[in-house]
């Protein structure tokens, strides 16, 4: 898909975030056509060193982790701890539509990213910040990584086997969720700016700057993401517990062992359950005719289904269930999941990006998938080009390099 056809073509984003939630949000925007300049400190985003594995020479510090959320961006190194660095921040912010960061309030103030400062100097700029424990108050200063967020939000308490310890999800799920919500909030704010600008162009009176401030806290996003689990607590008063791979409100909705692997069943209504009974030849039972009945007799029903599939091969069970239009699937390894995607796309699902091979953006636009236009950048790879675009001369950039303001 041509860059000019992408929906965010022409939108300029200054990405001052690090690690995962913020970079994931800005990568989504970059994939959709935004020009994202990743402003990094002299040592770079710390996730550059989170390897092995690395793409290319480890000395280039493009870890697989870093590469997974930083494609389609340009990297510039600016030391925001210096006066000259904060002046450059203002120059770049003045040319941007959106600024994203994940600095704690005290750090943001030191680096020139404080909310009041940005609002005063750049009233038309949309600022999107992702925090840890809270967006304001004393808790806003607490650093929060995804593990901590999964722990304090209750997600770990409902994840794992009933008889086992609390478990985290296998990926940094809440970082990704917070990043996605940050991107949605930023897009909404950018749309509002455009609409206000249109009204001004039509003669309407709109007071004040066009910008706005979007904030998402990792912990709040995590508690909100409990959805039906939280709703069950509020409505029923019973403390949610771990169900392993099962579901608190639907039966059967879990994983079963076959003779050579595991299958997942997700039976969401009575019609699907009737087809399941027929496909597995387990016999009808009035106790299980409704979901309420299946919930009441969960252990009995799960044992019956488990016995029905235990001696059969995974593929045999899946064939019978899929032929009967029962929602089911294999429990794939990650490599099997990758092979599945490659097979569905006829090969070439992973996209080449320099030395890296990356999963594509899952959003399709008018029947086309956005391509990876730029590989994950080396640290400071685009400093010279971005500063030239901002109006600086070669001698000015050289002086900034010599003073350690940029690299």
Protein backbone atom coordinates (compact mmCIF):
# COMPACT_ATOMS: atom_id res chain seq x y z
CA UNK A 1 0.00 0.00 0.00
CA UNK A 2 1.44 3.38 -1.01
CA UNK A 3 2.35 5.71 1.87
CA UNK A 4 0.02 8.42 0.58
CA UNK A 5 -2.92 6.00 0.75
CA UNK A 6 -2.42 5.22 4.42
CA UNK A 7 -4.98 6.89 6.70
CA UNK A 8 -2.44 8.67 8.92
CA UNK A 9 -0.19 9.92 6.13
CA UNK A 10 0.95 13.43 7.00
CA UNK A 11 0.48 13.02 10.76
CA UNK A 12 3.69 13.76 12.68
CA UNK A 13 4.36 11.95 15.95
CA UNK A 14 7.19 12.63 18.38
CA UNK A 15 7.69 9.42 20.35
CA UNK A 16 9.51 10.01 23.64
CA UNK A 17 8.42 6.69 25.14
CA UNK A 18 10.46 3.61 25.98
CA UNK A 19 10.15 -0.16 26.36
CA UNK A 20 6.68 -1.44 25.39
CA UNK A 21 3.34 0.30 26.03
CA UNK A 22 4.25 3.65 24.44
CA UNK A 23 6.35 2.20 21.60
CA UNK A 24 3.57 -0.29 20.79
CA UNK A 25 1.07 2.59 20.54
CA UNK A 26 3.33 4.63 18.27
CA UNK A 27 4.15 1.60 16.11
CA UNK A 28 0.44 1.16 15.43
CA UNK A 29 0.28 4.79 14.33
CA UNK A 30 3.44 4.41 12.23
CA UNK A 31 2.04 1.30 10.54
CA UNK A 32 -1.01 3.36 9.58
CA UNK A 33 1.14 5.99 7.91
CA UNK A 34 2.19 8.46 10.61
CA UNK A 35 5.73 9.86 10.47
CA UNK A 36 7.02 8.74 13.88
CA UNK A 37 10.29 10.17 15.17
CA UNK A 38 11.54 8.14 18.13
CA UNK A 39 13.44 10.47 20.45
CA UNK A 40 15.89 8.38 22.50
CA UNK A 41 18.31 9.26 25.33
CA UNK A 42 22.06 8.88 24.67
CA UNK A 43 22.00 5.26 25.90
CA UNK A 44 18.91 4.51 23.84
CA UNK A 45 15.70 2.73 24.71
CA UNK A 46 16.80 0.09 27.25
CA UNK A 47 14.87 -2.62 25.43
CA UNK A 48 17.49 -2.38 22.66
CA UNK A 49 19.69 -4.47 24.93
CA UNK A 50 17.06 -7.00 26.00
CA UNK A 51 18.62 -9.94 24.22
CA UNK A 52 19.72 -12.30 22.92
CA UNK A 53 18.35 -12.82 20.39
CA UNK A 54 19.36 -9.83 18.29
CA UNK A 55 18.80 -8.98 14.65
CA UNK A 56 22.17 -8.45 13.00
CA UNK A 57 25.28 -7.63 14.99
CA UNK A 58 24.52 -7.51 18.74
CA UNK A 59 26.67 -4.37 18.88
CA UNK A 60 23.97 -2.60 16.85
CA UNK A 61 21.59 -3.19 19.78
CA UNK A 62 18.53 -4.15 17.77
CA UNK A 63 17.14 -6.87 20.01
CA UNK A 64 14.24 -8.98 18.82
CA UNK A 65 12.23 -7.38 21.64
CA UNK A 66 13.02 -3.83 20.49
CA UNK A 67 12.43 -4.66 16.84
CA UNK A 68 8.98 -6.09 17.56
CA UNK A 69 7.52 -2.66 18.43
CA UNK A 70 9.72 -0.09 16.68
CA UNK A 71 9.39 -0.61 12.93
CA UNK A 72 8.40 2.24 10.61
CA UNK A 73 10.05 4.80 12.92
CA UNK A 74 13.06 7.09 12.69
CA UNK A 75 15.48 7.34 15.62
CA UNK A 76 17.00 10.56 16.88
CA UNK A 77 19.20 10.85 19.97
CA UNK A 78 18.61 13.95 22.10
CA UNK A 79 19.75 14.41 25.69
CA UNK A 80 16.73 16.00 27.34
CA UNK A 81 18.74 16.49 30.53
CA UNK A 82 20.43 19.45 28.82
CA UNK A 83 19.06 22.90 28.06
CA UNK A 84 19.93 22.42 24.40
CA UNK A 85 18.12 19.09 24.37
CA UNK A 86 14.95 20.63 25.76
CA UNK A 87 15.19 23.40 23.16
CA UNK A 88 15.31 20.72 20.47
CA UNK A 89 12.33 19.02 22.10
CA UNK A 90 10.38 22.26 21.68
CA UNK A 91 11.50 22.60 18.08
CA UNK A 92 10.41 19.08 17.22
CA UNK A 93 7.18 19.37 19.23
CA UNK A 94 6.28 22.54 17.35
CA UNK A 95 6.39 20.52 14.12
CA UNK A 96 4.41 17.58 15.51
CA UNK A 97 0.73 16.77 15.85
CA UNK A 98 1.18 14.28 18.70
CA UNK A 99 3.77 13.70 21.42
CA UNK A 100 3.84 10.37 23.29
CA UNK A 101 5.78 9.60 26.48
CA UNK A 102 5.74 7.30 29.49
CA UNK A 103 7.82 9.32 31.94
CA UNK A 104 6.78 9.57 35.57
CA UNK A 105 5.59 13.09 36.52
CA UNK A 106 8.83 14.10 38.26
CA UNK A 107 10.94 12.76 35.40
CA UNK A 108 8.67 14.42 32.85
CA UNK A 109 9.17 17.77 34.55
CA UNK A 110 12.97 17.37 34.49
CA UNK A 111 13.01 16.37 30.83
CA UNK A 112 10.71 19.11 29.54
CA UNK A 113 7.78 16.74 29.13
CA UNK A 114 5.71 18.09 32.01
CA UNK A 115 2.04 18.59 31.19
CA UNK A 116 1.91 22.26 32.17
CA UNK A 117 5.05 23.14 30.24
CA UNK A 118 3.90 21.40 27.07
CA UNK A 119 0.41 22.90 27.30
CA UNK A 120 1.85 26.39 27.70
CA UNK A 121 4.44 26.14 24.92
CA UNK A 122 2.51 23.94 22.50
CA UNK A 123 -1.22 24.55 23.02
CA UNK A 124 -2.16 22.84 19.74
CA UNK A 125 -0.18 19.68 20.48
CA UNK A 126 -1.91 16.44 21.48
CA UNK A 127 0.06 14.83 24.32
CA UNK A 128 -0.54 11.15 25.11
CA UNK A 129 1.09 9.74 28.25
CA UNK A 130 0.98 6.21 29.60
CA UNK A 131 1.62 5.85 33.33
CA UNK A 132 2.05 2.99 35.73
CA UNK A 133 -0.04 2.85 38.87
CA UNK A 134 -2.03 6.04 38.28
CA UNK A 135 -2.12 9.13 36.08
CA UNK A 136 -2.06 11.51 39.07
CA UNK A 137 -1.33 11.60 42.79
CA UNK A 138 1.43 9.92 44.78
CA UNK A 139 0.97 6.58 43.04
CA UNK A 140 1.82 8.18 39.71
CA UNK A 141 5.48 8.14 40.77
CA UNK A 142 5.56 4.38 41.27
CA UNK A 143 7.26 2.53 38.40
CA UNK A 144 5.13 -0.27 37.01
CA UNK A 145 6.24 -3.05 34.73
CA UNK A 146 3.72 -5.46 33.27
CA UNK A 147 4.42 -8.15 35.87
CA UNK A 148 3.60 -5.74 38.69
CA UNK A 149 0.48 -4.57 36.87
CA UNK A 150 -0.73 -8.15 36.36
CA UNK A 151 -0.13 -8.79 40.07
CA UNK A 152 -1.88 -5.78 41.58
CA UNK A 153 -4.84 -5.70 39.17
CA UNK A 154 -6.11 -9.17 40.09
CA UNK A 155 -5.26 -10.65 36.70
CA UNK A 156 -2.73 -13.04 38.23
CA UNK A 157 -5.23 -14.03 40.93
CA UNK A 158 -7.58 -15.42 38.28
CA UNK A 159 -4.87 -16.91 36.05
CA UNK A 160 -3.49 -20.41 36.63
CA UNK A 161 -4.75 -23.74 37.87
CA UNK A 162 -7.21 -23.73 40.81
CA UNK A 163 -4.78 -25.66 43.01
CA UNK A 164 -1.68 -23.79 41.83
CA UNK A 165 -0.17 -20.36 42.49
CA UNK A 166 -1.22 -17.16 40.73
CA UNK A 167 0.31 -16.90 37.26
CA UNK A 168 1.03 -14.12 34.82
CA UNK A 169 -0.03 -14.26 31.19
CA UNK A 170 2.79 -15.39 28.89
CA UNK A 171 3.15 -11.99 27.20
CA UNK A 172 3.12 -8.45 28.61
CA UNK A 173 -0.60 -8.27 28.03
CA UNK A 174 -1.39 -5.15 30.06
CA UNK A 175 1.41 -3.15 28.43
CA UNK A 176 -0.08 -4.03 25.07
CA UNK A 177 -3.61 -3.25 26.21
CA UNK A 178 -2.59 0.12 27.68
CA UNK A 179 -0.68 0.92 24.48
CA UNK A 180 -3.69 0.08 22.36
CA UNK A 181 -5.96 2.27 24.52
CA UNK A 182 -3.40 5.08 24.36
CA UNK A 183 -3.37 4.86 20.57
CA UNK A 184 -7.18 4.96 20.44
CA UNK A 185 -7.27 7.98 22.75
CA UNK A 186 -4.61 9.76 20.69
CA UNK A 187 -6.47 9.09 17.45
CA UNK A 188 -9.69 10.44 18.98
CA UNK A 189 -7.86 13.59 20.08
CA UNK A 190 -6.30 14.07 16.64
CA UNK A 191 -9.72 13.71 15.05
CA UNK A 192 -11.11 16.31 17.45
CA UNK A 193 -8.30 18.70 16.49
CA UNK A 194 -9.14 18.25 12.82
CA UNK A 195 -12.84 18.82 13.42
CA UNK A 196 -12.21 21.94 15.48
CA UNK A 197 -9.94 23.21 12.73
CA UNK A 198 -12.68 22.66 10.17
CA UNK A 199 -15.15 24.59 12.30
CA UNK A 200 -12.68 27.45 12.59
CA UNK A 201 -12.25 27.42 8.83
CA UNK A 202 -16.00 27.75 8.48
CA UNK A 203 -16.09 30.79 10.72
CA UNK A 204 -17.03 29.16 14.02
CA UNK A 205 -15.45 30.55 17.17
CA UNK A 206 -13.33 28.09 19.15
CA UNK A 207 -11.41 29.39 22.14
CA UNK A 208 -8.02 28.17 23.32
CA UNK A 209 -5.57 25.71 21.80
CA UNK A 210 -6.65 22.76 19.76
CA UNK A 211 -4.53 20.22 21.60
CA UNK A 212 -5.51 17.93 24.43
CA UNK A 213 -3.96 15.57 26.95
CA UNK A 214 -4.62 11.82 26.83
CA UNK A 215 -3.56 9.66 29.78
CA UNK A 216 -3.77 5.93 30.42
CA UNK A 217 -2.49 4.15 33.53
CA UNK A 218 -1.32 0.56 33.19
CA UNK A 219 -2.96 -0.52 36.45
CA UNK A 220 -6.32 1.10 35.74
CA UNK A 221 -6.32 -0.40 32.25
CA UNK A 222 -5.61 -3.77 33.87
CA UNK A 223 -8.46 -3.66 36.38
CA UNK A 224 -10.86 -2.42 33.70
CA UNK A 225 -9.76 -5.26 31.41
CA UNK A 226 -11.10 -7.86 33.84
CA UNK A 227 -14.49 -7.18 32.21
CA UNK A 228 -16.80 -10.12 33.06
CA UNK A 229 -14.62 -11.26 35.98
CA UNK A 230 -14.95 -7.84 37.60
CA UNK A 231 -18.64 -7.72 36.68
CA UNK A 232 -19.19 -11.08 38.39
CA UNK A 233 -17.64 -9.74 41.61
CA UNK A 234 -19.65 -6.52 41.58
CA UNK A 235 -22.95 -8.19 40.68
CA UNK A 236 -22.64 -11.38 42.69
CA UNK A 237 -20.31 -10.46 45.54
CA UNK A 238 -18.27 -13.66 45.24
CA UNK A 239 -14.51 -13.34 45.00
CA UNK A 240 -13.36 -14.51 41.54
CA UNK A 241 -11.04 -17.50 41.58
CA UNK A 242 -8.75 -19.38 39.22
CA UNK A 243 -10.36 -21.80 36.79
CA UNK A 244 -7.25 -22.85 34.90
CA UNK A 245 -8.23 -22.98 31.25
CA UNK A 246 -11.94 -23.07 32.09
CA UNK A 247 -14.43 -20.20 32.07
CA UNK A 248 -16.34 -18.96 35.12
CA UNK A 249 -19.60 -18.49 33.21
CA UNK A 250 -19.58 -20.96 30.29
CA UNK A 251 -19.22 -24.76 30.17
CA UNK A 252 -17.57 -26.43 28.29
CA UNK A 253 -15.11 -23.66 27.52
CA UNK A 254 -11.63 -25.04 28.22
CA UNK A 255 -8.83 -27.32 27.08
CA UNK A 256 -9.01 -31.11 26.91
CA UNK A 257 -6.21 -33.64 26.54
CA UNK A 258 -6.30 -36.05 23.60
CA UNK A 259 -4.03 -39.02 22.99
CA UNK A 260 -1.35 -36.87 21.33
CA UNK A 261 -2.06 -33.25 22.21
CA UNK A 262 -4.67 -30.81 23.42
CA UNK A 263 -7.79 -29.25 21.94
CA UNK A 264 -9.66 -26.14 23.03
CA UNK A 265 -13.46 -26.17 23.10
CA UNK A 266 -15.41 -22.92 23.20
CA UNK A 267 -19.09 -23.87 23.32
CA UNK A 268 -21.03 -20.64 23.69
CA UNK A 269 -24.66 -21.71 23.30
CA UNK A 270 -27.04 -24.64 23.59
CA UNK A 271 -27.14 -25.35 19.84
CA UNK A 272 -23.37 -25.67 19.73
CA UNK A 273 -23.49 -27.99 22.72
CA UNK A 274 -26.05 -30.22 21.03
CA UNK A 275 -23.74 -30.55 18.03
CA UNK A 276 -20.83 -31.32 20.37
CA UNK A 277 -22.76 -34.15 22.02
CA UNK A 278 -23.57 -35.61 18.61
CA UNK A 279 -20.03 -35.26 17.27
CA UNK A 280 -18.51 -36.99 20.29
CA UNK A 281 -21.32 -39.56 20.64
CA UNK A 282 -21.56 -39.02 24.39
CA UNK A 283 -25.35 -39.20 24.61
CA UNK A 284 -27.83 -36.49 25.57
CA UNK A 285 -28.43 -35.63 29.22
CA UNK A 286 -31.10 -33.21 30.42
CA UNK A 287 -28.79 -31.93 33.15
CA UNK A 288 -26.67 -30.34 30.43
CA UNK A 289 -29.41 -28.94 28.19
CA UNK A 290 -28.79 -25.32 29.24
CA UNK A 291 -25.67 -23.41 30.18
CA UNK A 292 -27.02 -22.95 33.71
CA UNK A 293 -27.29 -26.70 34.02
CA UNK A 294 -23.85 -27.22 32.58
CA UNK A 295 -22.44 -24.75 35.10
CA UNK A 296 -24.20 -26.56 37.95
CA UNK A 297 -22.78 -29.91 36.83
CA UNK A 298 -19.43 -28.64 35.53
CA UNK A 299 -17.26 -31.40 37.02
CA UNK A 300 -19.48 -34.24 35.76
CA UNK A 301 -19.71 -32.83 32.24
CA UNK A 302 -16.00 -32.04 31.96
CA UNK A 303 -15.18 -35.60 33.03
CA UNK A 304 -17.52 -37.03 30.36
CA UNK A 305 -16.01 -34.93 27.58
CA UNK A 306 -12.50 -35.62 28.81
CA UNK A 307 -13.10 -39.38 28.66
CA UNK A 308 -14.63 -39.10 25.18
CA UNK A 309 -11.52 -37.50 23.66
CA UNK A 310 -8.71 -38.95 25.78
CA UNK A 311 -8.05 -41.99 23.57
CA UNK A 312 -8.49 -40.25 20.22
CA UNK A 313 -5.87 -38.31 18.30
CA UNK A 314 -5.98 -34.54 18.33
CA UNK A 315 -6.59 -34.35 14.59
CA UNK A 316 -9.37 -36.94 14.75
CA UNK A 317 -11.18 -35.00 17.48
CA UNK A 318 -10.76 -31.70 15.67
CA UNK A 319 -12.03 -33.12 12.39
CA UNK A 320 -15.18 -34.42 14.07
CA UNK A 321 -15.82 -31.13 15.88
CA UNK A 322 -15.13 -28.83 12.94
CA UNK A 323 -17.29 -30.97 10.66
CA UNK A 324 -20.10 -30.48 13.19
CA UNK A 325 -19.49 -26.69 13.29
CA UNK A 326 -18.38 -26.78 16.94
CA UNK A 327 -15.93 -23.99 17.87
CA UNK A 328 -12.70 -25.86 18.52
CA UNK A 329 -9.01 -25.62 17.76
CA UNK A 330 -5.66 -27.17 18.54
CA UNK A 331 -3.47 -25.86 21.35
CA UNK A 332 -0.60 -24.85 19.12
CA UNK A 333 2.98 -24.17 20.04
CA UNK A 334 4.22 -20.74 18.94
CA UNK A 335 6.02 -22.31 15.99
CA UNK A 336 2.82 -24.14 15.01
CA UNK A 337 0.87 -20.88 15.24
CA UNK A 338 3.43 -19.19 12.98
CA UNK A 339 3.22 -22.07 10.49
CA UNK A 340 -0.59 -21.74 10.55
CA UNK A 341 -0.40 -18.06 9.62
CA UNK A 342 2.11 -18.75 6.88
CA UNK A 343 -0.16 -21.47 5.47
CA UNK A 344 -3.25 -19.24 5.59
CA UNK A 345 -1.43 -16.52 3.66
CA UNK A 346 0.19 -18.90 1.19
CA UNK A 347 3.60 -18.06 2.62
CA UNK A 348 5.18 -14.70 3.27
CA UNK A 349 3.16 -13.78 6.35
CA UNK A 350 6.27 -12.54 8.12
CA UNK A 351 7.55 -9.34 6.54
CA UNK A 352 11.17 -8.50 5.80
CA UNK A 353 12.46 -5.38 7.53
CA UNK A 354 16.19 -4.98 7.03
CA UNK A 355 17.81 -7.84 8.90
CA UNK A 356 14.61 -8.50 10.85
CA UNK A 357 11.55 -10.59 9.98
CA UNK A 358 8.48 -9.26 11.77
CA UNK A 359 4.81 -10.06 12.21
CA UNK A 360 2.67 -7.71 10.11
CA UNK A 361 0.08 -5.28 11.36
CA UNK A 362 -3.22 -7.25 11.55
CA UNK A 363 -5.31 -4.31 10.29
CA UNK A 364 -6.37 -4.55 6.64
CA UNK A 365 -7.32 -1.37 4.79
CA UNK A 366 -9.43 -1.64 1.63
CA UNK A 367 -8.31 -5.23 1.16
CA UNK A 368 -4.61 -4.46 1.63
CA UNK A 369 -2.27 -4.88 4.56
CA UNK A 370 0.00 -1.92 5.48
CA UNK A 371 3.56 -2.83 4.63
CA UNK A 372 6.64 -2.36 6.78
CA UNK A 373 8.14 0.71 5.15
CA UNK A 374 11.18 1.09 7.41
CA UNK A 375 13.09 -1.47 9.51
CA UNK A 376 13.56 -0.92 13.26
CA UNK A 377 16.07 1.94 13.41
CA UNK A 378 19.59 1.87 14.74
CA UNK A 379 20.17 4.26 17.63
CA UNK A 380 20.36 7.81 16.33
CA UNK A 381 20.24 6.65 12.71
CA UNK A 382 18.09 9.58 11.61
CA UNK A 383 19.34 12.38 13.87
CA UNK A 384 20.97 14.30 11.02
CA UNK A 385 18.02 13.98 8.64
CA UNK A 386 15.36 14.90 11.20
CA UNK A 387 17.26 17.98 12.38
CA UNK A 388 17.81 19.09 8.79
CA UNK A 389 14.06 18.81 8.22
CA UNK A 390 13.51 20.91 11.34
CA UNK A 391 15.58 23.72 9.79
CA UNK A 392 18.98 23.31 11.42
CA UNK A 393 22.16 23.83 9.40
CA UNK A 394 25.02 21.37 9.25
CA UNK A 395 27.23 23.55 11.45
CA UNK A 396 24.51 23.80 14.10
CA UNK A 397 24.05 20.03 14.17
CA UNK A 398 27.80 19.51 14.39
CA UNK A 399 27.95 21.87 17.36
CA UNK A 400 25.11 20.02 19.08
CA UNK A 401 26.96 16.74 18.54
CA UNK A 402 30.17 18.16 19.92
CA UNK A 403 28.39 19.36 23.06
CA UNK A 404 26.69 15.99 23.60
CA UNK A 405 23.17 17.34 23.10
CA UNK A 406 22.55 15.00 20.16
CA UNK A 407 24.19 11.87 18.79
